[in-house]
Amino acid sequence: MDRLIIVSCLWAFSFGINKAWVAGADPVLVSFIRLALALLALLPWLRWPRAGRAAVPALLGIGAVQFGLMYVALNYCFIVLQAYQVALFTVFTPLYVAAMHSLRRGRAPLGLFAAAAAALAGAALVERWQVDRRTFWAAFGVMQVSNLAFAWGQVAYRDWRRRNPGENDLAVFGWLYLGGALVALAWAAFGSDWGELASYPAQRWAALVYLGLVASGAGFYLWNTGALRARPGVLAVMNNLKSPLAVLVSVIFWGAYAAMSPRDWLFLAAGSALIIGAAASASRTSEE
C-alpha cells in the first residue's frame, strides 16, 4: 500500500506539469519521449524473463496497450481539456477494472451499469461550457480509450505475474516500457514532425525528463508492483484516491481556480462526487 500512496502523490502533480509545460507539443512524440526515458530508467536491471524468450512478446504486448496506447490517447486530451478534467476523468479506470473482473466471472451486475451512468452524469457536470461541446466530448471519448488501456494493462500484468510467480519485477518491467515506446515510435514515424523537437524550450525538456524518468519510469513500476501486493479493496481505494488528489493539486497549484466562477466550483464538486462515488461503487460491486 505504501507504494500506491507514494505514486498517488507523485502523479497528483504530473497532470499540471503536463498541461503547463508540455501540452501543445505533438502528443505522439511526447509519449515516445516519456516511454523512452522510462525504459532508460529501468534499463540497467532489464533481463530475459525466467519464463524464457516466449514471455517477451506477452510483456511487450501488455506495455504496448497499457503505456503506448494509453499515453498517446492521454496526451491528445491535454490539448483540449484542463489538467483537472484529465485528472478527474482517469477515475473511470477502476470502473473498467471492475467490469473486467465481472466479465471474467461470466456476469455483468446491474450495479456496474448504474455506476457508469452516474459517472457519465458527473462528466457532464464537470464540462466547461467555454470549450466547444463536441470537442469536449470527443476528448472525453479519447480519455476512455486511455482509461481502458491502463485498466487492461493492470489486470493483464497482474495475471501474468500470478502465472509466473518466480519472476523479478525489476528485471522484466522494462519490457513493458519497450513495448509502449515501440508503439509510440511506430505512430510517430508516420505522422509526426521530428523537427519540432529542436524548437522545444529548456523548460519543456526539463518537464519531459521529470515526467519520463520519475512520473513514468518510477511511477508505473511502483504502481503495478504495488498492485500485486495490495488486496483488491485497497487497490480500488487507491485507484479512486489518485484522481481527486490530482484534481485538487491541479486546481490549487496550477491556476485553474482563477478562471472558475462559484457556479464552476459547484459543478466541479457535484461532478467529482458523482464520478468518484460511481468508481467506488463499481469497485465494491466487482468484489461481491
Protein backbone atom coordinates (compact mmCIF):
# COMPACT_ATOMS: atom_id res chain seq x y z
CA MET A 1 0.00 0.00 0.00
CA ASP A 2 2.92 2.34 0.68
CA ARG A 3 3.90 2.22 -2.99
CA LEU A 4 0.39 3.13 -4.12
CA ILE A 5 0.28 6.11 -1.74
CA ILE A 6 3.68 7.37 -2.93
CA VAL A 7 2.68 7.12 -6.59
CA SER A 8 -0.70 8.79 -5.98
CA CYS A 9 1.10 11.81 -4.52
CA LEU A 10 3.67 11.74 -7.32
CA TRP A 11 1.08 11.66 -10.09
CA ALA A 12 -1.03 14.37 -8.46
CA PHE A 13 1.47 16.97 -9.72
CA SER A 14 2.10 15.37 -13.11
CA PHE A 15 -1.16 16.49 -14.70
CA GLY A 16 -0.48 20.17 -14.01
CA ILE A 17 3.14 19.90 -15.16
CA ASN A 18 1.99 18.27 -18.38
CA LYS A 19 -0.66 20.90 -19.06
CA ALA A 20 1.57 23.87 -18.15
CA TRP A 21 4.78 22.95 -19.96
CA VAL A 22 4.17 20.03 -22.32
CA ALA A 23 0.65 20.42 -23.76
CA GLY A 24 0.79 21.79 -27.29
CA ALA A 25 3.66 19.55 -28.33
CA ASP A 26 3.00 16.60 -30.63
CA PRO A 27 1.28 14.11 -28.26
CA VAL A 28 2.81 11.11 -30.03
CA LEU A 29 6.35 12.48 -29.75
CA VAL A 30 5.70 13.33 -26.09
CA SER A 31 4.51 9.75 -25.50
CA PHE A 32 7.61 8.31 -27.16
CA ILE A 33 9.99 10.56 -25.22
CA ARG A 34 8.37 9.74 -21.88
CA LEU A 35 8.38 6.00 -22.51
CA ALA A 36 11.92 6.01 -23.88
CA LEU A 37 13.08 7.79 -20.73
CA ALA A 38 11.06 5.36 -18.57
CA LEU A 39 12.82 2.48 -20.34
CA LEU A 40 16.16 4.19 -19.75
CA ALA A 41 15.37 4.41 -16.02
CA LEU A 42 14.97 0.62 -15.76
CA LEU A 43 17.43 -0.43 -18.46
CA PRO A 44 20.27 -1.32 -16.02
CA TRP A 45 18.06 -4.04 -14.48
CA LEU A 46 16.45 -5.38 -17.66
CA ARG A 47 16.93 -9.15 -18.13
CA TRP A 48 15.35 -12.01 -20.05
CA PRO A 49 12.32 -13.31 -18.15
CA ARG A 50 12.89 -16.55 -16.26
CA ALA A 51 9.94 -17.93 -18.22
CA GLY A 52 12.09 -17.67 -21.34
CA ARG A 53 12.09 -15.62 -24.52
CA ALA A 54 8.50 -16.65 -25.27
CA ALA A 55 7.41 -14.39 -22.40
CA VAL A 56 8.88 -11.29 -24.04
CA PRO A 57 6.08 -10.84 -26.66
CA ALA A 58 3.48 -11.07 -23.89
CA LEU A 59 5.23 -8.36 -21.86
CA LEU A 60 5.73 -6.18 -24.94
CA GLY A 61 2.04 -6.54 -25.74
CA ILE A 62 0.97 -5.53 -22.24
CA GLY A 63 3.23 -2.48 -22.38
CA ALA A 64 2.05 -1.58 -25.90
CA VAL A 65 -1.51 -1.27 -24.62
CA GLN A 66 -1.07 -0.09 -21.02
CA PHE A 67 1.58 2.52 -21.76
CA GLY A 68 1.82 3.07 -25.53
CA LEU A 69 -1.87 3.36 -26.43
CA MET A 70 -2.73 4.88 -23.06
CA TYR A 71 -0.14 7.67 -23.30
CA VAL A 72 -0.87 8.65 -26.89
CA ALA A 73 -4.59 8.97 -26.06
CA LEU A 74 -3.90 10.79 -22.79
CA ASN A 75 -1.55 13.35 -24.33
CA TYR A 76 -4.06 14.17 -27.07
CA CYS A 77 -6.56 15.06 -24.34
CA PHE A 78 -4.23 17.63 -22.75
CA ILE A 79 -4.59 19.71 -25.93
CA VAL A 80 -8.31 20.25 -25.27
CA LEU A 81 -9.06 19.53 -21.62
CA GLN A 82 -7.96 21.32 -18.47
CA ALA A 83 -5.47 19.47 -16.27
CA TYR A 84 -8.06 18.90 -13.55
CA GLN A 85 -10.50 17.46 -16.10
CA VAL A 86 -7.94 14.98 -17.38
CA ALA A 87 -7.08 14.05 -13.80
CA LEU A 88 -10.72 13.61 -12.81
CA PHE A 89 -11.62 11.51 -15.83
CA THR A 90 -8.89 8.98 -15.01
CA VAL A 91 -11.12 7.88 -12.13
CA PHE A 92 -13.09 5.87 -14.70
CA THR A 93 -10.18 3.39 -14.70
CA PRO A 94 -11.29 1.41 -11.61
CA LEU A 95 -14.78 1.20 -13.09
CA TYR A 96 -13.30 -0.57 -16.11
CA VAL A 97 -11.17 -2.80 -13.90
CA ALA A 98 -14.33 -3.78 -12.03
CA ALA A 99 -16.12 -4.52 -15.30
CA MET A 100 -13.25 -6.73 -16.48
CA HIS A 101 -13.33 -8.75 -13.26
CA SER A 102 -17.10 -9.16 -13.52
CA LEU A 103 -16.98 -10.27 -17.14
CA ARG A 104 -14.38 -12.89 -16.21
CA ARG A 105 -16.89 -14.35 -13.77
CA GLY A 106 -19.48 -14.50 -16.53
CA ARG A 107 -21.75 -11.82 -15.14
CA ALA A 108 -22.37 -8.11 -15.56
CA PRO A 109 -24.06 -6.76 -12.40
CA LEU A 110 -26.63 -4.02 -12.88
CA GLY A 111 -24.68 -2.01 -10.33
CA LEU A 112 -21.90 -1.53 -12.88
CA PHE A 113 -24.30 -0.05 -15.42
CA ALA A 114 -25.73 2.27 -12.78
CA ALA A 115 -22.20 3.32 -11.80
CA ALA A 116 -21.34 4.01 -15.44
CA ALA A 117 -24.46 6.17 -15.85
CA ALA A 118 -23.65 8.13 -12.68
CA ALA A 119 -20.06 8.67 -13.80
CA LEU A 120 -21.23 9.91 -17.19
CA ALA A 121 -23.60 12.35 -15.49
CA GLY A 122 -20.69 13.55 -13.36
CA ALA A 123 -18.62 14.18 -16.50
CA ALA A 124 -21.45 16.32 -17.90
CA LEU A 125 -21.39 18.48 -14.77
CA VAL A 126 -17.63 18.96 -14.99
CA GLU A 127 -17.81 20.11 -18.61
CA ARG A 128 -16.58 23.70 -19.06
CA TRP A 129 -19.02 25.43 -21.38
CA GLN A 130 -16.29 27.75 -22.68
CA VAL A 131 -15.00 24.77 -24.69
CA ASP A 132 -16.90 23.61 -27.76
CA ARG A 133 -19.11 20.78 -26.54
CA ARG A 134 -18.37 18.48 -29.47
CA THR A 135 -14.65 18.97 -28.90
CA PHE A 136 -15.06 18.30 -25.18
CA TRP A 137 -16.96 15.06 -25.67
CA ALA A 138 -14.57 13.89 -28.38
CA ALA A 139 -11.70 14.37 -25.93
CA PHE A 140 -13.74 12.67 -23.22
CA GLY A 141 -14.16 9.67 -25.53
CA VAL A 142 -10.42 9.53 -26.19
CA MET A 143 -9.87 9.60 -22.42
CA GLN A 144 -11.93 6.43 -22.15
CA VAL A 145 -9.57 4.73 -24.61
CA SER A 146 -6.71 5.79 -22.33
CA ASN A 147 -8.52 4.54 -19.23
CA LEU A 148 -9.43 1.21 -20.81
CA ALA A 149 -5.85 0.67 -21.93
CA PHE A 150 -4.46 1.40 -18.46
CA ALA A 151 -7.12 -0.75 -16.77
CA TRP A 152 -6.48 -3.70 -19.08
CA GLY A 153 -2.72 -3.41 -18.55
CA GLN A 154 -3.03 -3.51 -14.76
CA VAL A 155 -5.16 -6.65 -14.93
CA ALA A 156 -3.00 -8.29 -17.62
CA TYR A 157 0.29 -7.74 -15.77
CA ARG A 158 -1.23 -8.94 -12.51
CA ASP A 159 -2.40 -12.11 -14.26
CA TRP A 160 0.96 -12.66 -15.96
CA ARG A 161 2.82 -12.37 -12.67
CA ARG A 162 0.45 -14.81 -10.99
CA ARG A 163 1.20 -17.30 -13.74
CA ASN A 164 4.93 -16.61 -13.30
CA PRO A 165 5.46 -16.16 -9.54
CA GLY A 166 9.23 -16.65 -9.77
CA GLU A 167 9.82 -13.56 -11.91
CA ASN A 168 11.67 -10.49 -10.65
CA ASP A 169 9.57 -7.39 -11.40
CA LEU A 170 12.57 -5.11 -11.66
CA ALA A 171 14.19 -7.43 -14.20
CA VAL A 172 11.17 -7.71 -16.52
CA PHE A 173 9.24 -4.46 -16.18
CA GLY A 174 11.39 -2.64 -18.70
CA TRP A 175 9.93 -4.89 -21.41
CA LEU A 176 6.58 -3.19 -20.85
CA TYR A 177 8.14 0.23 -21.37
CA LEU A 178 9.85 -1.04 -24.53
CA GLY A 179 6.51 -2.26 -25.87
CA GLY A 180 4.93 1.13 -25.19
CA ALA A 181 7.85 3.04 -26.70
CA LEU A 182 7.72 0.94 -29.88
CA VAL A 183 4.03 1.72 -30.35
CA ALA A 184 4.63 5.46 -29.94
CA LEU A 185 7.70 5.30 -32.21
CA ALA A 186 5.80 3.50 -34.98
CA TRP A 187 2.97 6.02 -34.70
CA ALA A 188 5.37 8.96 -34.76
CA ALA A 189 7.23 7.58 -37.79
CA PHE A 190 4.15 8.03 -39.96
CA GLY A 191 2.66 11.29 -38.75
CA SER A 192 4.99 13.36 -36.58
CA ASP A 193 7.32 16.20 -37.40
CA TRP A 194 10.56 15.26 -35.66
CA GLY A 195 11.96 18.69 -36.42
CA GLU A 196 9.58 20.04 -33.78
CA LEU A 197 11.96 18.72 -31.11
CA ALA A 198 14.51 21.43 -31.97
CA SER A 199 12.01 24.13 -31.00
CA TYR A 200 11.30 22.79 -27.52
CA PRO A 201 12.42 25.26 -24.83
CA ALA A 202 14.59 24.11 -21.93
CA GLN A 203 11.58 24.23 -19.58
CA ARG A 204 9.67 21.72 -21.72
CA TRP A 205 12.66 19.38 -21.88
CA ALA A 206 13.08 19.60 -18.11
CA ALA A 207 9.40 18.73 -17.65
CA LEU A 208 9.70 15.79 -20.06
CA VAL A 209 12.78 14.45 -18.28
CA TYR A 210 10.98 14.59 -14.94
CA LEU A 211 7.79 13.06 -16.34
CA GLY A 212 9.69 10.34 -18.18
CA LEU A 213 12.19 9.26 -15.54
CA VAL A 214 10.18 9.88 -12.37
CA ALA A 215 6.42 10.00 -13.04
CA SER A 216 6.54 7.28 -15.71
CA GLY A 217 9.73 5.32 -15.07
CA ALA A 218 9.47 5.05 -11.31
CA GLY A 219 5.73 5.70 -11.04
CA PHE A 220 4.36 2.93 -13.23
CA TYR A 221 6.81 0.38 -11.86
CA LEU A 222 5.82 1.20 -8.27
CA TRP A 223 2.12 1.25 -9.15
CA ASN A 224 1.99 -2.11 -10.93
CA THR A 225 4.18 -3.85 -8.36
CA GLY A 226 2.22 -2.23 -5.53
CA ALA A 227 -0.98 -3.52 -7.12
CA LEU A 228 0.41 -7.05 -6.95
CA ARG A 229 0.81 -6.78 -3.19
CA ALA A 230 -2.46 -4.98 -2.40
CA ARG A 231 -5.80 -6.57 -1.62
CA PRO A 232 -8.47 -5.84 -4.26
CA GLY A 233 -10.33 -3.48 -1.95
CA VAL A 234 -7.20 -1.49 -1.15
CA LEU A 235 -6.29 -1.27 -4.83
CA ALA A 236 -9.76 0.04 -5.63
CA VAL A 237 -9.50 2.72 -2.95
CA MET A 238 -6.10 3.84 -4.21
CA ASN A 239 -7.32 3.97 -7.82
CA ASN A 240 -10.11 6.22 -6.58
CA LEU A 241 -7.77 8.38 -4.47
CA LYS A 242 -5.17 9.40 -7.03
CA SER A 243 -7.64 11.12 -9.36
CA PRO A 244 -9.36 13.53 -6.93
CA LEU A 245 -5.97 14.24 -5.35
CA ALA A 246 -4.67 15.20 -8.80
CA VAL A 247 -7.75 17.36 -9.39
CA LEU A 248 -7.15 19.22 -6.12
CA VAL A 249 -3.48 19.83 -6.91
CA SER A 250 -4.27 20.96 -10.47
CA VAL A 251 -6.89 23.44 -9.30
CA ILE A 252 -4.87 24.87 -6.40
CA PHE A 253 -1.30 24.90 -7.74
CA TRP A 254 -1.80 25.44 -11.49
CA GLY A 255 -4.09 28.45 -11.53
CA ALA A 256 -7.30 26.82 -12.73
CA TYR A 257 -9.18 28.41 -9.83
CA ALA A 258 -8.57 31.90 -11.26
CA ALA A 259 -10.91 31.24 -14.19
CA MET A 260 -13.56 29.40 -12.16
CA SER A 261 -16.79 31.03 -11.01
CA PRO A 262 -18.77 29.86 -7.96
CA ARG A 263 -21.03 28.00 -10.41
CA ASP A 264 -17.97 26.21 -11.85
CA TRP A 265 -16.89 25.17 -8.36
CA LEU A 266 -20.37 23.84 -7.61
CA PHE A 267 -20.46 21.78 -10.80
CA LEU A 268 -16.91 20.55 -10.26
CA ALA A 269 -17.74 19.41 -6.71
CA ALA A 270 -21.01 17.73 -7.74
CA GLY A 271 -19.50 16.09 -10.81
CA SER A 272 -16.46 14.89 -8.88
CA ALA A 273 -18.66 13.38 -6.19
CA LEU A 274 -20.71 11.51 -8.80
CA ILE A 275 -17.68 10.16 -10.67
CA ILE A 276 -15.72 9.14 -7.56
CA GLY A 277 -18.81 7.62 -5.96
CA ALA A 278 -19.54 5.67 -9.14
CA ALA A 279 -16.00 4.31 -9.30
CA ALA A 280 -16.11 3.31 -5.62
CA SER A 281 -19.47 1.61 -6.12
CA ALA A 282 -18.16 -0.29 -9.14
CA SER A 283 -15.15 -1.46 -7.17
CA ARG A 284 -17.34 -2.85 -4.40
CA THR A 285 -19.66 -4.48 -6.92
CA SER A 286 -16.74 -6.32 -8.55
CA GLU A 287 -15.87 -7.97 -5.23
CA GLU A 288 -19.36 -9.21 -4.43
